[in-house]
């Protein structure tokens, strides 16, 4: 009876541990050029026009929300991408209202910031980005932010020397894929896909050299 009770408790404990793992059954994406990996839900898909690659990938939730990875500066390039039309698509905009800044420890790298942002206009959503400033002029603050070069805004360094952005968005090629109309901040961040998207960003780890 003692063995039976102990065995039952052990099995129950193991089952509980498995059920509390938010990444159970998720897939893994690896970027060899940037040197990182992330996990994403099995029922999320990659956009056909951006099949998993080393420079750009969209991960789509069933309801249209997107987690986007974009290479901003190639590890082998000496000059950064500074195309202003990529604002909000490949990086945060020149002026961005930041709602929260929290530390996030990335395995294999160290501490970066997890940012949440307010919509820029009526068609955009609240958002979330990972960030490691390149210097004092790019250090984010709560409230409105303005930077002289948006390319390096809300981005991370690759292990091989470039920069990349990993964030939540609701549009692709100018088309809205997830409606944020009339959603309050609380409603947006309580959405199941948004909660999963935040877990995707927080699952990042840098690969061993």
N, C-alpha and C. Protein backbone atom coordinates (compact mmCIF):
# COMPACT_ATOMS: atom_id res chain seq x y z
N UNK A 1 0.83 -1.21 0.00
CA UNK A 1 0.00 0.00 0.00
C UNK A 1 0.86 1.25 0.00
N UNK A 2 1.97 1.20 0.78
CA UNK A 2 2.89 2.34 0.81
C UNK A 2 3.46 2.57 -0.58
N UNK A 3 3.89 1.50 -1.25
CA UNK A 3 4.44 1.62 -2.61
C UNK A 3 3.40 2.19 -3.55
N UNK A 4 2.15 1.68 -3.44
CA UNK A 4 1.09 2.11 -4.34
C UNK A 4 0.81 3.60 -4.16
N UNK A 5 0.74 4.03 -2.91
CA UNK A 5 0.47 5.45 -2.65
C UNK A 5 1.62 6.33 -3.14
N UNK A 6 2.87 5.86 -2.89
CA UNK A 6 4.04 6.62 -3.33
C UNK A 6 4.10 6.69 -4.85
N UNK A 7 3.82 5.54 -5.51
CA UNK A 7 3.85 5.49 -6.97
C UNK A 7 2.80 6.41 -7.57
N UNK A 8 1.62 6.44 -6.96
CA UNK A 8 0.53 7.30 -7.43
C UNK A 8 0.93 8.76 -7.31
N UNK A 9 1.56 9.11 -6.18
CA UNK A 9 1.98 10.49 -5.95
C UNK A 9 3.04 10.90 -6.96
N UNK A 10 3.98 9.98 -7.25
CA UNK A 10 5.05 10.27 -8.21
C UNK A 10 4.47 10.49 -9.59
N UNK A 11 3.54 9.60 -9.99
CA UNK A 11 2.91 9.72 -11.30
C UNK A 11 2.13 11.01 -11.40
N UNK A 12 1.41 11.36 -10.34
CA UNK A 12 0.62 12.59 -10.31
C UNK A 12 1.52 13.79 -10.44
N UNK A 13 2.67 13.76 -9.75
CA UNK A 13 3.62 14.87 -9.80
C UNK A 13 4.18 15.05 -11.19
N UNK A 14 4.52 13.91 -11.84
CA UNK A 14 5.07 13.97 -13.20
C UNK A 14 4.05 14.52 -14.17
N UNK A 15 2.79 14.07 -14.03
CA UNK A 15 1.73 14.55 -14.91
C UNK A 15 1.51 16.04 -14.72
N UNK A 16 1.56 16.48 -13.45
CA UNK A 16 1.37 17.90 -13.15
C UNK A 16 2.47 18.73 -13.79
N UNK A 17 3.73 18.23 -13.71
CA UNK A 17 4.86 18.95 -14.30
C UNK A 17 4.69 19.08 -15.81
N UNK A 18 4.25 17.98 -16.44
CA UNK A 18 4.06 17.99 -17.89
C UNK A 18 2.95 18.96 -18.29
N UNK A 19 1.85 18.96 -17.50
CA UNK A 19 0.71 19.78 -17.87
C UNK A 19 0.99 21.27 -17.68
N UNK A 20 1.99 21.61 -16.84
CA UNK A 20 2.29 23.02 -16.61
C UNK A 20 3.39 23.54 -17.55
N UNK A 21 3.91 22.68 -18.42
CA UNK A 21 4.91 23.12 -19.38
C UNK A 21 4.19 23.81 -20.54
N UNK A 22 4.30 25.13 -20.68
CA UNK A 22 3.55 25.84 -21.72
C UNK A 22 4.04 25.53 -23.13
N UNK A 23 5.22 24.92 -23.25
CA UNK A 23 5.78 24.64 -24.57
C UNK A 23 5.64 23.18 -25.00
N UNK A 24 4.90 22.41 -24.25
CA UNK A 24 4.71 21.00 -24.59
C UNK A 24 4.04 20.87 -25.96
N UNK A 25 4.65 20.10 -26.86
CA UNK A 25 4.08 19.87 -28.18
C UNK A 25 4.37 20.97 -29.19
N UNK A 26 5.12 21.99 -28.81
CA UNK A 26 5.43 23.09 -29.73
C UNK A 26 6.57 22.71 -30.68
N UNK A 27 6.64 23.40 -31.81
CA UNK A 27 7.72 23.21 -32.77
C UNK A 27 8.87 24.17 -32.46
N UNK A 28 10.02 23.93 -33.07
CA UNK A 28 11.19 24.79 -32.85
C UNK A 28 11.69 25.34 -34.18
N UNK A 29 11.97 26.63 -34.19
CA UNK A 29 12.57 27.29 -35.35
C UNK A 29 13.99 27.72 -34.97
N UNK A 30 14.94 27.41 -35.85
CA UNK A 30 16.33 27.79 -35.63
C UNK A 30 16.81 28.72 -36.73
N UNK A 31 17.47 29.79 -36.36
CA UNK A 31 18.10 30.68 -37.33
C UNK A 31 19.61 30.51 -37.21
N UNK A 32 20.21 29.90 -38.22
CA UNK A 32 21.65 29.66 -38.16
C UNK A 32 22.45 30.95 -38.33
N UNK A 33 21.90 31.91 -39.11
CA UNK A 33 22.64 33.15 -39.35
C UNK A 33 22.64 34.07 -38.13
N UNK A 34 21.54 34.06 -37.36
CA UNK A 34 21.47 34.92 -36.18
C UNK A 34 21.91 34.18 -34.91
N UNK A 35 21.84 32.84 -34.97
CA UNK A 35 22.29 32.07 -33.83
C UNK A 35 21.29 31.95 -32.70
N UNK A 36 19.97 31.96 -33.03
CA UNK A 36 18.96 31.82 -31.98
C UNK A 36 17.93 30.78 -32.39
N UNK A 37 17.13 30.36 -31.42
CA UNK A 37 16.01 29.48 -31.70
C UNK A 37 14.81 29.94 -30.89
N UNK A 38 13.60 29.68 -31.41
CA UNK A 38 12.37 29.97 -30.69
C UNK A 38 11.42 28.78 -30.86
N UNK A 39 10.43 28.73 -29.98
CA UNK A 39 9.40 27.70 -30.07
C UNK A 39 8.09 28.37 -30.48
N UNK A 40 7.25 27.62 -31.22
CA UNK A 40 5.95 28.15 -31.61
C UNK A 40 4.92 27.02 -31.62
N UNK A 41 3.63 27.33 -31.37
CA UNK A 41 2.60 26.30 -31.27
C UNK A 41 2.46 25.47 -32.54
N UNK A 42 2.12 24.21 -32.38
CA UNK A 42 1.98 23.30 -33.52
C UNK A 42 0.87 23.72 -34.47
N UNK A 43 -0.16 24.45 -33.97
CA UNK A 43 -1.26 24.86 -34.85
C UNK A 43 -1.02 26.23 -35.48
N UNK A 44 0.14 26.83 -35.23
CA UNK A 44 0.52 28.05 -35.95
C UNK A 44 1.20 27.63 -37.24
N UNK A 45 1.11 28.47 -38.26
CA UNK A 45 1.72 28.15 -39.56
C UNK A 45 2.70 29.24 -39.96
N UNK A 46 3.53 28.94 -40.95
CA UNK A 46 4.41 29.96 -41.51
C UNK A 46 3.80 30.44 -42.81
N UNK A 47 3.84 31.75 -43.02
CA UNK A 47 3.27 32.32 -44.23
C UNK A 47 4.00 31.77 -45.45
N UNK A 48 3.24 31.33 -46.48
CA UNK A 48 3.87 30.75 -47.68
C UNK A 48 4.90 31.67 -48.34
N UNK A 49 4.68 32.99 -48.23
CA UNK A 49 5.63 33.91 -48.88
C UNK A 49 6.87 34.14 -48.03
N UNK A 50 6.83 33.64 -46.80
CA UNK A 50 7.99 33.79 -45.92
C UNK A 50 8.29 32.47 -45.23
N UNK A 51 8.52 31.45 -46.04
CA UNK A 51 8.87 30.16 -45.48
C UNK A 51 10.07 30.34 -44.53
N UNK A 52 10.14 29.52 -43.48
CA UNK A 52 11.24 29.70 -42.52
C UNK A 52 12.59 29.85 -43.22
N UNK A 53 13.25 30.96 -42.93
CA UNK A 53 14.53 31.25 -43.57
C UNK A 53 15.41 31.97 -42.58
N UNK A 54 16.60 32.34 -43.04
CA UNK A 54 17.55 33.02 -42.17
C UNK A 54 17.40 34.54 -42.20
N UNK A 55 16.47 35.08 -42.99
CA UNK A 55 16.36 36.53 -43.02
C UNK A 55 14.97 37.08 -42.74
N UNK A 56 13.93 36.26 -42.83
CA UNK A 56 12.58 36.74 -42.53
C UNK A 56 11.62 35.56 -42.42
N UNK A 57 10.84 35.54 -41.36
CA UNK A 57 9.85 34.48 -41.18
C UNK A 57 8.65 35.01 -40.41
N UNK A 58 7.45 34.72 -40.90
CA UNK A 58 6.22 35.05 -40.19
C UNK A 58 5.62 33.78 -39.62
N UNK A 59 5.25 33.83 -38.34
CA UNK A 59 4.56 32.73 -37.69
C UNK A 59 3.13 33.19 -37.44
N UNK A 60 2.16 32.52 -38.07
CA UNK A 60 0.77 32.97 -38.05
C UNK A 60 -0.10 32.15 -37.11
N UNK A 61 -0.82 32.85 -36.23
CA UNK A 61 -1.80 32.20 -35.37
C UNK A 61 -3.05 31.92 -36.18
N UNK A 62 -3.89 30.98 -35.76
CA UNK A 62 -5.13 30.67 -36.50
C UNK A 62 -6.02 31.89 -36.70
N UNK A 63 -5.99 32.86 -35.77
CA UNK A 63 -6.84 34.05 -35.91
C UNK A 63 -6.16 35.20 -36.63
N UNK A 64 -4.94 34.98 -37.17
CA UNK A 64 -4.30 36.00 -37.98
C UNK A 64 -3.21 36.80 -37.30
N UNK A 65 -3.05 36.67 -36.00
CA UNK A 65 -1.97 37.38 -35.32
C UNK A 65 -0.63 36.83 -35.81
N UNK A 66 0.38 37.68 -35.87
CA UNK A 66 1.68 37.29 -36.42
C UNK A 66 2.81 37.56 -35.43
N UNK A 67 3.72 36.61 -35.33
CA UNK A 67 5.01 36.86 -34.72
C UNK A 67 5.99 36.91 -35.87
N UNK A 68 6.72 38.02 -35.99
CA UNK A 68 7.61 38.21 -37.15
C UNK A 68 9.07 38.28 -36.70
N UNK A 69 9.89 37.54 -37.43
CA UNK A 69 11.34 37.64 -37.26
C UNK A 69 11.90 38.26 -38.54
N UNK A 70 12.71 39.31 -38.41
CA UNK A 70 13.31 39.97 -39.57
C UNK A 70 14.77 40.26 -39.29
N UNK A 71 15.62 39.89 -40.22
CA UNK A 71 17.03 40.26 -40.13
C UNK A 71 17.15 41.72 -40.55
N UNK A 72 17.67 42.56 -39.65
CA UNK A 72 17.80 43.98 -39.96
C UNK A 72 19.17 44.32 -40.51
N UNK A 73 20.15 43.61 -40.04
CA UNK A 73 21.51 43.83 -40.52
C UNK A 73 22.21 42.50 -40.64
N UNK A 74 22.68 42.20 -41.84
CA UNK A 74 23.34 40.93 -42.06
C UNK A 74 24.61 40.83 -41.24
N UNK A 75 24.88 39.65 -40.69
CA UNK A 75 26.12 39.46 -39.93
C UNK A 75 27.37 39.72 -40.78
N UNK A 76 27.22 39.67 -42.11
CA UNK A 76 28.39 39.88 -42.97
C UNK A 76 28.37 41.25 -43.63
N UNK A 77 27.41 42.11 -43.24
CA UNK A 77 27.30 43.44 -43.83
C UNK A 77 27.90 44.50 -42.92
N UNK A 78 28.54 45.51 -43.52
CA UNK A 78 29.12 46.60 -42.75
C UNK A 78 28.14 47.74 -42.52
N UNK A 79 27.08 47.80 -43.34
CA UNK A 79 26.13 48.92 -43.24
C UNK A 79 24.74 48.43 -42.86
N UNK A 80 24.07 49.11 -41.94
CA UNK A 80 22.74 48.70 -41.50
C UNK A 80 21.66 49.02 -42.51
N UNK A 81 20.52 48.34 -42.41
CA UNK A 81 19.36 48.64 -43.22
C UNK A 81 18.70 49.87 -42.62
N UNK A 82 18.46 50.91 -43.44
CA UNK A 82 17.90 52.15 -42.90
C UNK A 82 16.65 52.59 -43.67
N UNK A 83 16.01 51.66 -44.38
CA UNK A 83 14.84 51.98 -45.19
C UNK A 83 13.68 52.42 -44.29
N UNK A 84 13.28 53.69 -44.39
CA UNK A 84 12.27 54.24 -43.48
C UNK A 84 10.89 53.62 -43.68
N UNK A 85 10.61 53.05 -44.88
CA UNK A 85 9.29 52.48 -45.12
C UNK A 85 9.08 51.18 -44.33
N UNK A 86 10.14 50.65 -43.74
CA UNK A 86 10.00 49.41 -42.98
C UNK A 86 9.50 49.67 -41.57
N UNK A 87 9.27 50.94 -41.23
CA UNK A 87 8.80 51.29 -39.89
C UNK A 87 7.52 50.53 -39.56
N UNK A 88 7.51 49.82 -38.43
CA UNK A 88 6.34 49.06 -38.01
C UNK A 88 6.25 47.69 -38.65
N UNK A 89 7.02 47.48 -39.71
CA UNK A 89 7.01 46.19 -40.40
C UNK A 89 8.27 45.40 -40.08
N UNK A 90 9.40 46.08 -40.16
CA UNK A 90 10.67 45.43 -39.86
C UNK A 90 11.30 45.97 -38.58
N UNK A 91 10.78 47.04 -38.06
CA UNK A 91 11.26 47.57 -36.79
C UNK A 91 10.20 48.50 -36.23
N UNK A 92 10.40 48.94 -35.00
CA UNK A 92 9.45 49.87 -34.40
C UNK A 92 9.56 51.24 -35.07
N UNK A 93 8.52 52.04 -34.95
CA UNK A 93 8.50 53.35 -35.58
C UNK A 93 9.33 54.37 -34.82
N UNK A 94 9.64 55.50 -35.49
CA UNK A 94 10.47 56.53 -34.89
C UNK A 94 9.93 56.98 -33.53
N UNK A 95 8.61 57.13 -33.45
CA UNK A 95 7.99 57.47 -32.18
C UNK A 95 7.08 56.32 -31.78
N UNK A 96 7.31 55.76 -30.62
CA UNK A 96 6.54 54.61 -30.18
C UNK A 96 6.21 54.77 -28.70
N UNK A 97 4.95 54.60 -28.37
CA UNK A 97 4.51 54.72 -26.99
C UNK A 97 4.72 53.38 -26.28
N UNK A 98 5.69 53.32 -25.39
CA UNK A 98 6.00 52.08 -24.67
C UNK A 98 5.18 52.01 -23.38
N UNK A 99 4.51 50.87 -23.20
CA UNK A 99 3.66 50.67 -22.03
C UNK A 99 4.40 50.01 -20.88
N UNK A 100 5.31 49.09 -21.19
CA UNK A 100 6.05 48.40 -20.14
C UNK A 100 7.41 47.95 -20.64
N UNK A 101 8.35 47.86 -19.72
CA UNK A 101 9.69 47.37 -20.00
C UNK A 101 10.07 46.41 -18.88
N UNK A 102 10.30 45.14 -19.25
CA UNK A 102 10.64 44.15 -18.23
C UNK A 102 11.87 43.35 -18.65
N UNK A 103 12.71 42.99 -17.70
CA UNK A 103 13.90 42.21 -18.03
C UNK A 103 13.54 40.78 -18.46
N UNK A 104 14.31 40.26 -19.38
CA UNK A 104 14.12 38.88 -19.83
C UNK A 104 15.50 38.26 -19.98
N UNK A 105 15.72 37.15 -19.32
CA UNK A 105 17.00 36.46 -19.39
C UNK A 105 16.96 35.44 -20.52
N UNK A 106 17.83 35.60 -21.50
CA UNK A 106 17.89 34.69 -22.65
C UNK A 106 18.99 33.66 -22.43
N UNK A 107 18.64 32.37 -22.39
CA UNK A 107 19.67 31.34 -22.24
C UNK A 107 20.72 31.45 -23.35
N UNK A 108 21.98 31.35 -22.96
CA UNK A 108 23.06 31.42 -23.93
C UNK A 108 23.47 32.83 -24.29
N UNK A 109 22.78 33.83 -23.71
CA UNK A 109 23.14 35.22 -24.02
C UNK A 109 23.21 36.08 -22.76
N UNK A 110 22.06 36.34 -22.16
CA UNK A 110 22.03 37.22 -20.99
C UNK A 110 20.74 38.00 -20.96
N UNK A 111 20.73 39.12 -20.26
CA UNK A 111 19.50 39.87 -20.05
C UNK A 111 19.24 40.88 -21.17
N UNK A 112 17.98 40.89 -21.65
CA UNK A 112 17.51 41.88 -22.62
C UNK A 112 16.21 42.45 -22.05
N UNK A 113 15.50 43.26 -22.85
CA UNK A 113 14.23 43.83 -22.40
C UNK A 113 13.07 43.27 -23.20
N UNK A 114 11.96 43.04 -22.51
CA UNK A 114 10.71 42.66 -23.16
C UNK A 114 9.81 43.88 -23.09
N UNK A 115 9.47 44.46 -24.26
CA UNK A 115 8.69 45.69 -24.32
C UNK A 115 7.27 45.43 -24.80
N UNK A 116 6.31 46.16 -24.24
CA UNK A 116 4.96 46.19 -24.82
C UNK A 116 4.68 47.62 -25.25
N UNK A 117 3.96 47.76 -26.37
CA UNK A 117 3.74 49.08 -26.96
C UNK A 117 2.27 49.34 -27.26
N UNK A 118 1.91 50.61 -27.36
CA UNK A 118 0.55 51.02 -27.69
C UNK A 118 0.42 51.13 -29.21
N UNK A 119 -0.79 51.07 -29.76
CA UNK A 119 -0.98 51.21 -31.21
C UNK A 119 -0.51 52.57 -31.71
N UNK A 120 0.02 52.59 -32.94
CA UNK A 120 0.46 53.84 -33.56
C UNK A 120 -0.71 54.58 -34.20
N UNK A 121 -1.69 53.81 -34.69
CA UNK A 121 -2.84 54.42 -35.36
C UNK A 121 -4.04 53.50 -35.21
N UNK A 122 -5.14 53.88 -35.85
CA UNK A 122 -6.40 53.14 -35.69
C UNK A 122 -6.33 51.71 -36.20
N UNK A 123 -5.43 51.44 -37.17
CA UNK A 123 -5.36 50.11 -37.76
C UNK A 123 -4.34 49.19 -37.10
N UNK A 124 -3.48 49.76 -36.26
CA UNK A 124 -2.43 48.95 -35.67
C UNK A 124 -2.85 48.40 -34.30
N UNK A 125 -2.06 47.47 -33.79
CA UNK A 125 -2.36 46.81 -32.53
C UNK A 125 -1.39 47.25 -31.43
N UNK A 126 -1.71 46.82 -30.23
CA UNK A 126 -0.70 46.83 -29.19
C UNK A 126 0.37 45.84 -29.65
N UNK A 127 1.56 45.95 -29.13
CA UNK A 127 2.61 45.07 -29.61
C UNK A 127 3.57 44.66 -28.52
N UNK A 128 4.51 43.79 -28.88
CA UNK A 128 5.57 43.35 -27.97
C UNK A 128 6.83 43.13 -28.79
N UNK A 129 7.96 43.55 -28.24
CA UNK A 129 9.25 43.43 -28.90
C UNK A 129 10.29 42.94 -27.91
N UNK A 130 11.36 42.36 -28.43
CA UNK A 130 12.54 42.09 -27.63
C UNK A 130 13.57 43.15 -28.01
N UNK A 131 14.34 43.61 -27.02
CA UNK A 131 15.23 44.74 -27.28
C UNK A 131 16.51 44.67 -26.46
N UNK A 132 17.61 45.07 -27.10
CA UNK A 132 18.86 45.33 -26.40
C UNK A 132 19.45 46.58 -27.04
N UNK A 133 19.42 47.73 -26.33
CA UNK A 133 19.90 48.99 -26.91
C UNK A 133 21.35 48.92 -27.36
N UNK A 134 21.66 49.68 -28.41
CA UNK A 134 23.04 49.74 -28.89
C UNK A 134 23.81 50.87 -28.21
N UNK A 135 23.10 51.71 -27.46
CA UNK A 135 23.76 52.82 -26.77
C UNK A 135 22.73 53.66 -26.05
N UNK A 136 23.16 54.69 -25.32
CA UNK A 136 22.25 55.54 -24.54
C UNK A 136 21.13 56.17 -25.38
N UNK A 137 21.42 56.53 -26.63
CA UNK A 137 20.42 57.21 -27.46
C UNK A 137 19.31 56.27 -27.91
N UNK A 138 19.51 54.97 -27.74
CA UNK A 138 18.48 54.01 -28.16
C UNK A 138 17.86 53.26 -26.98
N UNK A 139 18.16 53.71 -25.77
CA UNK A 139 17.58 53.07 -24.59
C UNK A 139 16.12 53.49 -24.44
N UNK A 140 15.19 52.54 -24.46
CA UNK A 140 13.77 52.88 -24.40
C UNK A 140 13.34 53.34 -23.01
N UNK A 141 12.25 54.09 -22.97
CA UNK A 141 11.68 54.55 -21.72
C UNK A 141 10.16 54.42 -21.78
N UNK A 142 9.50 54.37 -20.65
CA UNK A 142 8.05 54.31 -20.61
C UNK A 142 7.50 55.62 -21.20
N UNK A 143 6.49 55.51 -22.06
CA UNK A 143 5.93 56.69 -22.70
C UNK A 143 6.41 56.82 -24.13
N UNK A 144 6.30 58.00 -24.72
CA UNK A 144 6.71 58.22 -26.10
C UNK A 144 8.22 58.19 -26.25
N UNK A 145 8.67 57.50 -27.29
CA UNK A 145 10.10 57.41 -27.59
C UNK A 145 10.34 57.92 -29.00
N UNK A 146 11.47 58.55 -29.21
CA UNK A 146 11.84 59.02 -30.54
C UNK A 146 13.32 58.77 -30.74
N UNK A 147 13.66 58.16 -31.88
CA UNK A 147 15.05 57.82 -32.16
C UNK A 147 15.49 58.38 -33.51
N UNK A 148 16.75 58.74 -33.64
CA UNK A 148 17.24 59.27 -34.92
C UNK A 148 17.36 58.21 -36.00
N UNK A 149 17.48 56.95 -35.60
CA UNK A 149 17.63 55.86 -36.58
C UNK A 149 16.78 54.69 -36.10
N UNK A 150 15.59 54.53 -36.69
CA UNK A 150 14.66 53.52 -36.21
C UNK A 150 15.14 52.10 -36.45
N UNK A 151 16.09 51.89 -37.35
CA UNK A 151 16.54 50.54 -37.69
C UNK A 151 17.00 49.76 -36.46
N UNK A 152 17.70 50.44 -35.56
CA UNK A 152 18.23 49.74 -34.40
C UNK A 152 17.27 49.75 -33.23
N UNK A 153 16.07 50.28 -33.45
CA UNK A 153 15.10 50.35 -32.38
C UNK A 153 14.47 48.97 -32.13
N UNK A 154 14.40 48.57 -30.89
CA UNK A 154 13.74 47.33 -30.49
C UNK A 154 14.28 46.13 -31.27
N UNK A 155 15.55 45.89 -31.16
CA UNK A 155 16.17 44.77 -31.88
C UNK A 155 17.22 44.10 -31.00
N UNK A 156 17.69 42.95 -31.48
CA UNK A 156 18.69 42.17 -30.74
C UNK A 156 19.90 41.92 -31.62
N UNK A 157 21.07 41.73 -31.01
CA UNK A 157 22.26 41.39 -31.80
C UNK A 157 22.28 39.89 -32.09
N UNK A 158 22.74 39.53 -33.28
CA UNK A 158 22.92 38.11 -33.57
C UNK A 158 24.27 37.68 -33.00
N UNK A 159 24.45 36.39 -32.88
CA UNK A 159 25.71 35.89 -32.33
C UNK A 159 26.85 36.09 -33.32
N UNK A 160 26.50 36.34 -34.59
CA UNK A 160 27.54 36.46 -35.61
C UNK A 160 27.80 37.90 -36.02
N UNK A 161 27.16 38.86 -35.34
CA UNK A 161 27.50 40.26 -35.61
C UNK A 161 26.44 41.14 -36.23
N UNK A 162 25.27 40.61 -36.59
CA UNK A 162 24.22 41.43 -37.19
C UNK A 162 23.21 41.89 -36.15
N UNK A 163 22.04 42.35 -36.62
CA UNK A 163 20.93 42.72 -35.75
C UNK A 163 19.66 42.11 -36.33
N UNK A 164 18.72 41.74 -35.46
CA UNK A 164 17.45 41.23 -35.94
C UNK A 164 16.33 41.68 -35.00
N UNK A 165 15.10 41.65 -35.52
CA UNK A 165 13.94 42.05 -34.73
C UNK A 165 12.99 40.88 -34.60
N UNK A 166 12.41 40.71 -33.42
CA UNK A 166 11.45 39.64 -33.16
C UNK A 166 10.28 40.27 -32.40
N UNK A 167 9.09 40.27 -33.02
CA UNK A 167 7.99 41.04 -32.43
C UNK A 167 6.62 40.54 -32.87
N UNK A 168 5.57 41.09 -32.23
CA UNK A 168 4.18 40.78 -32.55
C UNK A 168 3.63 41.86 -33.47
N UNK A 169 2.90 41.45 -34.51
CA UNK A 169 2.29 42.43 -35.41
C UNK A 169 0.92 41.92 -35.89
N UNK A 170 0.15 42.81 -36.51
CA UNK A 170 -1.17 42.40 -37.01
C UNK A 170 -1.33 42.70 -38.50
N UNK A 171 -0.21 42.86 -39.21
CA UNK A 171 -0.32 43.16 -40.64
C UNK A 171 0.81 42.51 -41.44
N UNK A 172 0.50 42.30 -42.72
CA UNK A 172 1.49 41.78 -43.65
C UNK A 172 1.31 42.50 -44.98
N UNK A 173 2.37 43.11 -45.47
CA UNK A 173 2.33 43.82 -46.75
C UNK A 173 1.21 44.85 -46.78
N UNK A 174 0.98 45.51 -45.65
CA UNK A 174 -0.04 46.55 -45.59
C UNK A 174 -1.45 46.06 -45.35
N UNK A 175 -1.63 44.74 -45.30
CA UNK A 175 -2.97 44.18 -45.08
C UNK A 175 -3.13 43.71 -43.63
N UNK A 176 -4.23 44.12 -43.01
CA UNK A 176 -4.49 43.74 -41.63
C UNK A 176 -4.90 42.28 -41.56
N UNK A 177 -4.21 41.51 -40.75
CA UNK A 177 -4.50 40.08 -40.62
C UNK A 177 -5.23 39.75 -39.32
N UNK A 178 -5.16 40.68 -38.37
CA UNK A 178 -5.78 40.47 -37.05
C UNK A 178 -6.39 41.81 -36.63
N UNK A 179 -7.70 41.83 -36.38
CA UNK A 179 -8.37 43.08 -36.07
C UNK A 179 -8.22 43.45 -34.59
N UNK A 180 -7.77 44.68 -34.36
CA UNK A 180 -7.64 45.18 -32.98
C UNK A 180 -8.69 46.25 -32.69
N UNK A 181 -9.62 46.40 -33.63
CA UNK A 181 -10.63 47.45 -33.49
C UNK A 181 -11.40 47.28 -32.19
N UNK A 182 -11.48 48.36 -31.43
CA UNK A 182 -12.24 48.43 -30.17
C UNK A 182 -11.68 47.55 -29.05
N UNK A 183 -10.50 46.97 -29.26
CA UNK A 183 -9.90 46.16 -28.21
C UNK A 183 -9.16 47.07 -27.22
N UNK A 184 -9.44 46.89 -25.95
CA UNK A 184 -8.69 47.63 -24.94
C UNK A 184 -7.34 46.92 -24.74
N UNK A 185 -6.45 47.59 -24.05
CA UNK A 185 -5.15 46.99 -23.75
C UNK A 185 -5.32 45.66 -23.01
N UNK A 186 -6.21 45.65 -22.03
CA UNK A 186 -6.45 44.43 -21.24
C UNK A 186 -7.01 43.32 -22.11
N UNK A 187 -7.95 43.66 -23.00
CA UNK A 187 -8.55 42.65 -23.89
C UNK A 187 -7.52 42.09 -24.86
N UNK A 188 -6.67 42.95 -25.40
CA UNK A 188 -5.67 42.50 -26.37
C UNK A 188 -4.70 41.51 -25.72
N UNK A 189 -4.12 41.88 -24.59
CA UNK A 189 -3.11 41.03 -23.97
C UNK A 189 -3.70 39.80 -23.28
N UNK A 190 -5.04 39.75 -23.14
CA UNK A 190 -5.69 38.56 -22.59
C UNK A 190 -6.10 37.58 -23.69
N UNK A 191 -5.96 38.00 -24.97
CA UNK A 191 -6.30 37.14 -26.09
C UNK A 191 -5.37 35.92 -26.10
N UNK A 192 -5.93 34.74 -26.37
CA UNK A 192 -5.12 33.51 -26.33
C UNK A 192 -3.93 33.55 -27.29
N UNK A 193 -4.15 34.04 -28.51
CA UNK A 193 -3.05 34.09 -29.48
C UNK A 193 -1.97 35.06 -29.03
N UNK A 194 -2.37 36.17 -28.41
CA UNK A 194 -1.40 37.14 -27.92
C UNK A 194 -0.58 36.53 -26.78
N UNK A 195 -1.26 35.80 -25.90
CA UNK A 195 -0.54 35.13 -24.81
C UNK A 195 0.45 34.12 -25.37
N UNK A 196 0.05 33.38 -26.42
CA UNK A 196 0.97 32.43 -27.06
C UNK A 196 2.11 33.17 -27.75
N UNK A 197 1.80 34.31 -28.38
CA UNK A 197 2.83 35.09 -29.06
C UNK A 197 3.88 35.59 -28.07
N UNK A 198 3.42 36.01 -26.90
CA UNK A 198 4.37 36.46 -25.88
C UNK A 198 5.26 35.30 -25.43
N UNK A 199 4.66 34.10 -25.32
CA UNK A 199 5.45 32.93 -24.96
C UNK A 199 6.48 32.60 -26.04
N UNK A 200 6.12 32.83 -27.31
CA UNK A 200 7.07 32.61 -28.41
C UNK A 200 8.28 33.50 -28.22
N UNK A 201 8.03 34.80 -27.99
CA UNK A 201 9.14 35.74 -27.81
C UNK A 201 9.99 35.34 -26.60
N UNK A 202 9.32 34.92 -25.54
CA UNK A 202 10.04 34.59 -24.31
C UNK A 202 10.73 33.22 -24.37
N UNK A 203 10.48 32.45 -25.43
CA UNK A 203 11.12 31.13 -25.56
C UNK A 203 12.49 31.23 -26.21
N UNK A 204 12.89 32.42 -26.63
CA UNK A 204 14.14 32.57 -27.38
C UNK A 204 15.34 32.11 -26.57
N UNK A 205 16.26 31.45 -27.25
CA UNK A 205 17.53 31.10 -26.64
C UNK A 205 18.60 31.18 -27.73
N UNK A 206 19.81 31.51 -27.32
CA UNK A 206 20.91 31.59 -28.27
C UNK A 206 21.62 30.24 -28.32
N UNK A 207 21.91 29.82 -29.53
CA UNK A 207 22.52 28.51 -29.71
C UNK A 207 23.99 28.55 -29.30
N UNK A 208 24.50 27.40 -28.88
CA UNK A 208 25.90 27.32 -28.51
C UNK A 208 26.77 27.45 -29.74
N UNK A 209 27.89 28.09 -29.59
CA UNK A 209 28.81 28.30 -30.72
C UNK A 209 29.42 26.96 -31.12
